[in-house]
Amino acid sequence: MNKQILLLRLSYWAAAIADFGIAILVLMPDRMGLSEIEYPVGLVSATVFSWAILLLVADRNPLERRWVLIPTIIVVALLSVVRIIFSLNETVEFSFAFFALGVILIILMAYSYNYANKIDKK
């Protein structure tokens, strides 16, 4: 397996595992600064779970479906920003681990996408 496919697959799987984790975590009200599960939280969980499945489907044809990384990078960046905003508002505790995970995922996916594009053009 060549490096570009390995990097793409690593990106898909890392983001999918993170998404599955988020889908579970948002259903824990105390982790989200709530006293009980609210309807929007259920919607978020279903959406994130579906996105994780999309990433696993993209893994089946990693080069042809590398475009999936573009909206995934945007989603990870937005989730990180939302977490930071709610941390600043003291709704949830700031977690360096969540922040670092978001940054690492963004870097991995952007590099994988860029590297796959460069190799594919040759």
N, C-alpha and C. Protein backbone atom coordinates (compact mmCIF):
# COMPACT_ATOMS: atom_id res chain seq x y z
N MET A 1 0.86 -1.18 0.00
CA MET A 1 0.00 0.00 0.00
C MET A 1 0.90 1.23 0.00
N ASN A 2 0.62 2.16 -0.89
CA ASN A 2 1.51 3.32 -0.96
C ASN A 2 1.14 4.36 0.10
N LYS A 3 2.05 5.31 0.26
CA LYS A 3 1.94 6.28 1.35
C LYS A 3 0.68 7.15 1.26
N GLN A 4 0.31 7.56 0.06
CA GLN A 4 -0.87 8.44 -0.05
C GLN A 4 -2.14 7.73 0.39
N ILE A 5 -2.30 6.47 0.02
CA ILE A 5 -3.50 5.72 0.42
C ILE A 5 -3.47 5.46 1.92
N LEU A 6 -2.30 5.13 2.44
CA LEU A 6 -2.18 4.90 3.88
C LEU A 6 -2.55 6.15 4.68
N LEU A 7 -2.05 7.31 4.23
CA LEU A 7 -2.39 8.56 4.92
C LEU A 7 -3.88 8.88 4.83
N LEU A 8 -4.46 8.67 3.65
CA LEU A 8 -5.91 8.91 3.51
C LEU A 8 -6.70 8.00 4.43
N ARG A 9 -6.35 6.73 4.44
CA ARG A 9 -7.07 5.78 5.31
C ARG A 9 -6.91 6.13 6.78
N LEU A 10 -5.70 6.51 7.16
CA LEU A 10 -5.47 6.94 8.53
C LEU A 10 -6.34 8.15 8.86
N SER A 11 -6.45 9.08 7.94
CA SER A 11 -7.30 10.26 8.15
C SER A 11 -8.76 9.87 8.30
N TYR A 12 -9.25 9.01 7.42
CA TYR A 12 -10.65 8.58 7.50
C TYR A 12 -10.94 7.90 8.82
N TRP A 13 -10.07 6.96 9.20
CA TRP A 13 -10.31 6.19 10.42
C TRP A 13 -10.15 7.03 11.68
N ALA A 14 -9.15 7.89 11.72
CA ALA A 14 -8.96 8.75 12.89
C ALA A 14 -10.17 9.66 13.10
N ALA A 15 -10.63 10.27 12.03
CA ALA A 15 -11.80 11.16 12.13
C ALA A 15 -13.06 10.37 12.47
N ALA A 16 -13.21 9.17 11.89
CA ALA A 16 -14.39 8.35 12.19
C ALA A 16 -14.41 7.92 13.65
N ILE A 17 -13.27 7.51 14.17
CA ILE A 17 -13.21 7.11 15.59
C ILE A 17 -13.53 8.30 16.49
N ALA A 18 -12.99 9.47 16.15
CA ALA A 18 -13.30 10.68 16.92
C ALA A 18 -14.79 11.00 16.84
N ASP A 19 -15.39 10.84 15.67
CA ASP A 19 -16.82 11.09 15.51
C ASP A 19 -17.66 10.12 16.32
N PHE A 20 -17.30 8.85 16.30
CA PHE A 20 -18.04 7.88 17.11
C PHE A 20 -17.95 8.25 18.60
N GLY A 21 -16.76 8.70 19.01
CA GLY A 21 -16.59 9.14 20.40
C GLY A 21 -17.46 10.34 20.72
N ILE A 22 -17.52 11.31 19.82
CA ILE A 22 -18.36 12.49 20.03
C ILE A 22 -19.83 12.10 20.07
N ALA A 23 -20.23 11.19 19.17
CA ALA A 23 -21.64 10.74 19.13
C ALA A 23 -22.06 10.14 20.47
N ILE A 24 -21.14 9.48 21.13
CA ILE A 24 -21.44 8.89 22.44
C ILE A 24 -21.37 9.95 23.54
N LEU A 25 -20.32 10.78 23.51
CA LEU A 25 -20.13 11.79 24.56
C LEU A 25 -21.28 12.79 24.64
N VAL A 26 -21.82 13.19 23.49
CA VAL A 26 -22.89 14.20 23.55
C VAL A 26 -24.16 13.65 24.19
N LEU A 27 -24.25 12.34 24.28
CA LEU A 27 -25.43 11.75 24.93
C LEU A 27 -25.27 11.67 26.45
N MET A 28 -24.15 12.16 26.97
CA MET A 28 -23.91 12.22 28.41
C MET A 28 -24.12 13.67 28.86
N PRO A 29 -25.30 13.97 29.39
CA PRO A 29 -25.66 15.37 29.68
C PRO A 29 -24.65 16.11 30.55
N ASP A 30 -24.11 15.47 31.57
CA ASP A 30 -23.19 16.16 32.46
C ASP A 30 -21.91 16.57 31.74
N ARG A 31 -21.51 15.84 30.71
CA ARG A 31 -20.32 16.19 29.92
C ARG A 31 -20.59 17.40 29.02
N MET A 32 -21.86 17.65 28.74
CA MET A 32 -22.23 18.74 27.84
C MET A 32 -22.78 19.95 28.58
N GLY A 33 -22.68 19.95 29.90
CA GLY A 33 -23.16 21.08 30.69
C GLY A 33 -24.67 21.13 30.81
N LEU A 34 -25.32 19.98 30.67
CA LEU A 34 -26.78 19.91 30.76
C LEU A 34 -27.18 19.03 31.93
N SER A 35 -28.42 19.14 32.35
CA SER A 35 -28.91 18.27 33.42
C SER A 35 -29.63 17.05 32.85
N GLU A 36 -30.05 17.14 31.60
CA GLU A 36 -30.70 16.01 30.94
C GLU A 36 -30.47 16.10 29.44
N ILE A 37 -30.75 15.01 28.74
CA ILE A 37 -30.55 15.00 27.29
C ILE A 37 -31.63 15.87 26.64
N GLU A 38 -31.21 16.76 25.79
CA GLU A 38 -32.11 17.64 25.05
C GLU A 38 -32.22 17.16 23.61
N TYR A 39 -33.29 17.53 22.93
CA TYR A 39 -33.54 17.12 21.55
C TYR A 39 -32.39 17.47 20.61
N PRO A 40 -31.85 18.72 20.66
CA PRO A 40 -30.74 19.04 19.75
C PRO A 40 -29.51 18.15 19.96
N VAL A 41 -29.30 17.70 21.17
CA VAL A 41 -28.17 16.82 21.46
C VAL A 41 -28.36 15.48 20.73
N GLY A 42 -29.57 14.99 20.71
CA GLY A 42 -29.86 13.75 19.98
C GLY A 42 -29.64 13.92 18.48
N LEU A 43 -30.03 15.08 17.97
CA LEU A 43 -29.79 15.36 16.55
C LEU A 43 -28.31 15.40 16.23
N VAL A 44 -27.54 16.04 17.09
CA VAL A 44 -26.09 16.12 16.89
C VAL A 44 -25.48 14.72 16.92
N SER A 45 -25.90 13.91 17.86
CA SER A 45 -25.37 12.55 17.96
C SER A 45 -25.65 11.75 16.69
N ALA A 46 -26.86 11.84 16.18
CA ALA A 46 -27.21 11.12 14.95
C ALA A 46 -26.41 11.64 13.76
N THR A 47 -26.24 12.94 13.68
CA THR A 47 -25.49 13.54 12.58
C THR A 47 -24.02 13.13 12.61
N VAL A 48 -23.42 13.21 13.78
CA VAL A 48 -22.00 12.87 13.91
C VAL A 48 -21.79 11.38 13.65
N PHE A 49 -22.70 10.54 14.13
CA PHE A 49 -22.61 9.11 13.88
C PHE A 49 -22.68 8.84 12.37
N SER A 50 -23.59 9.52 11.69
CA SER A 50 -23.72 9.37 10.23
C SER A 50 -22.47 9.83 9.51
N TRP A 51 -21.86 10.91 9.98
CA TRP A 51 -20.64 11.41 9.36
C TRP A 51 -19.51 10.39 9.51
N ALA A 52 -19.47 9.73 10.66
CA ALA A 52 -18.44 8.70 10.88
C ALA A 52 -18.61 7.56 9.88
N ILE A 53 -19.85 7.19 9.62
CA ILE A 53 -20.11 6.13 8.63
C ILE A 53 -19.69 6.61 7.24
N LEU A 54 -19.96 7.87 6.91
CA LEU A 54 -19.52 8.42 5.63
C LEU A 54 -18.01 8.30 5.48
N LEU A 55 -17.27 8.58 6.53
CA LEU A 55 -15.82 8.47 6.49
C LEU A 55 -15.37 7.03 6.26
N LEU A 56 -16.06 6.08 6.88
CA LEU A 56 -15.70 4.67 6.68
C LEU A 56 -16.03 4.21 5.26
N VAL A 57 -17.09 4.74 4.68
CA VAL A 57 -17.42 4.42 3.29
C VAL A 57 -16.36 5.03 2.36
N ALA A 58 -15.89 6.23 2.68
CA ALA A 58 -14.84 6.86 1.87
C ALA A 58 -13.56 6.03 1.88
N ASP A 59 -13.33 5.30 2.95
CA ASP A 59 -12.15 4.46 3.06
C ASP A 59 -12.13 3.33 2.02
N ARG A 60 -13.27 2.98 1.49
CA ARG A 60 -13.34 1.90 0.50
C ARG A 60 -12.67 2.29 -0.82
N ASN A 61 -12.74 3.54 -1.21
CA ASN A 61 -12.06 4.07 -2.40
C ASN A 61 -11.36 5.36 -1.98
N PRO A 62 -10.25 5.24 -1.27
CA PRO A 62 -9.65 6.42 -0.63
C PRO A 62 -9.25 7.54 -1.58
N LEU A 63 -8.68 7.23 -2.71
CA LEU A 63 -8.25 8.30 -3.62
C LEU A 63 -9.43 8.99 -4.29
N GLU A 64 -10.40 8.21 -4.74
CA GLU A 64 -11.54 8.78 -5.44
C GLU A 64 -12.44 9.60 -4.50
N ARG A 65 -12.43 9.26 -3.23
CA ARG A 65 -13.32 9.93 -2.28
C ARG A 65 -12.59 10.86 -1.33
N ARG A 66 -11.39 11.26 -1.69
CA ARG A 66 -10.61 12.14 -0.81
C ARG A 66 -11.29 13.49 -0.59
N TRP A 67 -12.19 13.88 -1.47
CA TRP A 67 -12.93 15.13 -1.32
C TRP A 67 -13.70 15.17 0.00
N VAL A 68 -14.02 14.00 0.56
CA VAL A 68 -14.76 13.93 1.83
C VAL A 68 -13.97 14.61 2.95
N LEU A 69 -12.65 14.67 2.80
CA LEU A 69 -11.83 15.29 3.83
C LEU A 69 -12.05 16.80 3.92
N ILE A 70 -12.42 17.44 2.82
CA ILE A 70 -12.62 18.89 2.84
C ILE A 70 -13.74 19.29 3.81
N PRO A 71 -14.96 18.76 3.65
CA PRO A 71 -15.99 19.13 4.63
C PRO A 71 -15.68 18.59 6.03
N THR A 72 -14.94 17.49 6.12
CA THR A 72 -14.59 16.95 7.43
C THR A 72 -13.65 17.90 8.16
N ILE A 73 -12.71 18.47 7.45
CA ILE A 73 -11.81 19.46 8.06
C ILE A 73 -12.61 20.65 8.57
N ILE A 74 -13.57 21.09 7.78
CA ILE A 74 -14.41 22.23 8.20
C ILE A 74 -15.21 21.87 9.45
N VAL A 75 -15.78 20.67 9.47
CA VAL A 75 -16.57 20.24 10.63
C VAL A 75 -15.70 20.16 11.88
N VAL A 76 -14.51 19.56 11.77
CA VAL A 76 -13.63 19.45 12.93
C VAL A 76 -13.22 20.83 13.41
N ALA A 77 -12.91 21.73 12.50
CA ALA A 77 -12.54 23.09 12.88
C ALA A 77 -13.70 23.80 13.59
N LEU A 78 -14.89 23.67 13.05
CA LEU A 78 -16.06 24.31 13.67
C LEU A 78 -16.37 23.72 15.04
N LEU A 79 -16.27 22.40 15.17
CA LEU A 79 -16.49 21.77 16.47
C LEU A 79 -15.46 22.26 17.49
N SER A 80 -14.23 22.43 17.05
CA SER A 80 -13.18 22.93 17.95
C SER A 80 -13.46 24.36 18.38
N VAL A 81 -13.90 25.18 17.44
CA VAL A 81 -14.22 26.57 17.75
C VAL A 81 -15.40 26.64 18.72
N VAL A 82 -16.42 25.84 18.47
CA VAL A 82 -17.59 25.83 19.37
C VAL A 82 -17.18 25.41 20.78
N ARG A 83 -16.33 24.40 20.86
CA ARG A 83 -15.86 23.94 22.18
C ARG A 83 -15.10 25.07 22.89
N ILE A 84 -14.26 25.79 22.15
CA ILE A 84 -13.50 26.89 22.76
C ILE A 84 -14.44 28.00 23.22
N ILE A 85 -15.42 28.36 22.39
CA ILE A 85 -16.37 29.42 22.76
C ILE A 85 -17.13 29.05 24.02
N PHE A 86 -17.61 27.81 24.09
CA PHE A 86 -18.37 27.39 25.27
C PHE A 86 -17.47 27.23 26.49
N SER A 87 -16.19 26.96 26.27
CA SER A 87 -15.23 26.93 27.38
C SER A 87 -15.01 28.34 27.93
N LEU A 88 -14.89 29.30 27.02
CA LEU A 88 -14.70 30.69 27.45
C LEU A 88 -15.93 31.21 28.20
N ASN A 89 -17.11 30.73 27.81
CA ASN A 89 -18.35 31.12 28.50
C ASN A 89 -18.58 30.30 29.76
N GLU A 90 -17.65 29.40 30.05
CA GLU A 90 -17.69 28.53 31.23
C GLU A 90 -18.90 27.61 31.26
N THR A 91 -19.41 27.26 30.08
CA THR A 91 -20.49 26.28 29.99
C THR A 91 -19.93 24.88 30.15
N VAL A 92 -18.77 24.64 29.54
CA VAL A 92 -18.04 23.38 29.68
C VAL A 92 -16.60 23.71 30.04
N GLU A 93 -15.95 22.73 30.65
CA GLU A 93 -14.54 22.93 31.01
C GLU A 93 -13.67 22.89 29.77
N PHE A 94 -12.62 23.73 29.77
CA PHE A 94 -11.65 23.68 28.68
C PHE A 94 -10.88 22.38 28.79
N SER A 95 -10.71 21.73 27.67
CA SER A 95 -9.95 20.49 27.63
C SER A 95 -8.85 20.62 26.59
N PHE A 96 -7.62 20.64 27.06
CA PHE A 96 -6.50 20.71 26.12
C PHE A 96 -6.48 19.48 25.23
N ALA A 97 -6.91 18.34 25.76
CA ALA A 97 -6.91 17.10 24.97
C ALA A 97 -7.86 17.22 23.78
N PHE A 98 -9.06 17.75 23.99
CA PHE A 98 -10.00 17.93 22.88
C PHE A 98 -9.46 18.94 21.86
N PHE A 99 -8.87 20.02 22.36
CA PHE A 99 -8.29 21.02 21.48
C PHE A 99 -7.16 20.42 20.65
N ALA A 100 -6.27 19.70 21.31
CA ALA A 100 -5.14 19.07 20.61
C ALA A 100 -5.62 18.04 19.60
N LEU A 101 -6.63 17.26 19.96
CA LEU A 101 -7.18 16.27 19.04
C LEU A 101 -7.70 16.95 17.78
N GLY A 102 -8.43 18.05 17.95
CA GLY A 102 -8.94 18.79 16.78
C GLY A 102 -7.83 19.29 15.89
N VAL A 103 -6.80 19.88 16.49
CA VAL A 103 -5.68 20.41 15.71
C VAL A 103 -4.95 19.29 14.98
N ILE A 104 -4.69 18.19 15.68
CA ILE A 104 -3.99 17.05 15.08
C ILE A 104 -4.80 16.47 13.92
N LEU A 105 -6.10 16.32 14.11
CA LEU A 105 -6.94 15.79 13.04
C LEU A 105 -6.94 16.72 11.82
N ILE A 106 -7.04 18.00 12.05
CA ILE A 106 -7.04 18.96 10.94
C ILE A 106 -5.72 18.88 10.18
N ILE A 107 -4.61 18.85 10.89
CA ILE A 107 -3.30 18.77 10.24
C ILE A 107 -3.17 17.47 9.45
N LEU A 108 -3.54 16.36 10.06
CA LEU A 108 -3.46 15.05 9.39
C LEU A 108 -4.30 15.02 8.12
N MET A 109 -5.55 15.47 8.22
CA MET A 109 -6.44 15.41 7.06
C MET A 109 -6.00 16.37 5.96
N ALA A 110 -5.58 17.57 6.34
CA ALA A 110 -5.12 18.54 5.33
C ALA A 110 -3.87 18.03 4.63
N TYR A 111 -2.93 17.48 5.39
CA TYR A 111 -1.72 16.95 4.79
C TYR A 111 -2.03 15.76 3.87
N SER A 112 -2.88 14.85 4.34
CA SER A 112 -3.25 13.69 3.54
C SER A 112 -3.91 14.10 2.23
N TYR A 113 -4.84 15.03 2.32
CA TYR A 113 -5.54 15.50 1.13
C TYR A 113 -4.57 16.16 0.16
N ASN A 114 -3.72 17.04 0.67
CA ASN A 114 -2.76 17.75 -0.16
C ASN A 114 -1.77 16.77 -0.79
N TYR A 115 -1.26 15.84 -0.02
CA TYR A 115 -0.29 14.86 -0.53
C TYR A 115 -0.92 13.98 -1.60
N ALA A 116 -2.16 13.54 -1.38
CA ALA A 116 -2.85 12.70 -2.37
C ALA A 116 -3.09 13.47 -3.66
N ASN A 117 -3.41 14.75 -3.57
CA ASN A 117 -3.62 15.57 -4.76
C ASN A 117 -2.33 15.75 -5.55
N LYS A 118 -1.25 15.98 -4.86
CA LYS A 118 0.04 16.16 -5.54
C LYS A 118 0.46 14.90 -6.28
N ILE A 119 0.32 13.76 -5.66
CA ILE A 119 0.71 12.50 -6.27
C ILE A 119 -0.22 12.14 -7.43
N ASP A 120 -1.51 12.42 -7.23
CA ASP A 120 -2.51 12.07 -8.25
C ASP A 120 -2.32 12.88 -9.53
N LYS A 121 -1.82 14.12 -9.42
CA LYS A 121 -1.62 14.97 -10.60
C LYS A 121 -0.45 14.53 -11.45
N LYS A 122 0.49 13.77 -10.83
CA LYS A 122 1.67 13.33 -11.58
C LYS A 122 1.40 12.21 -12.54
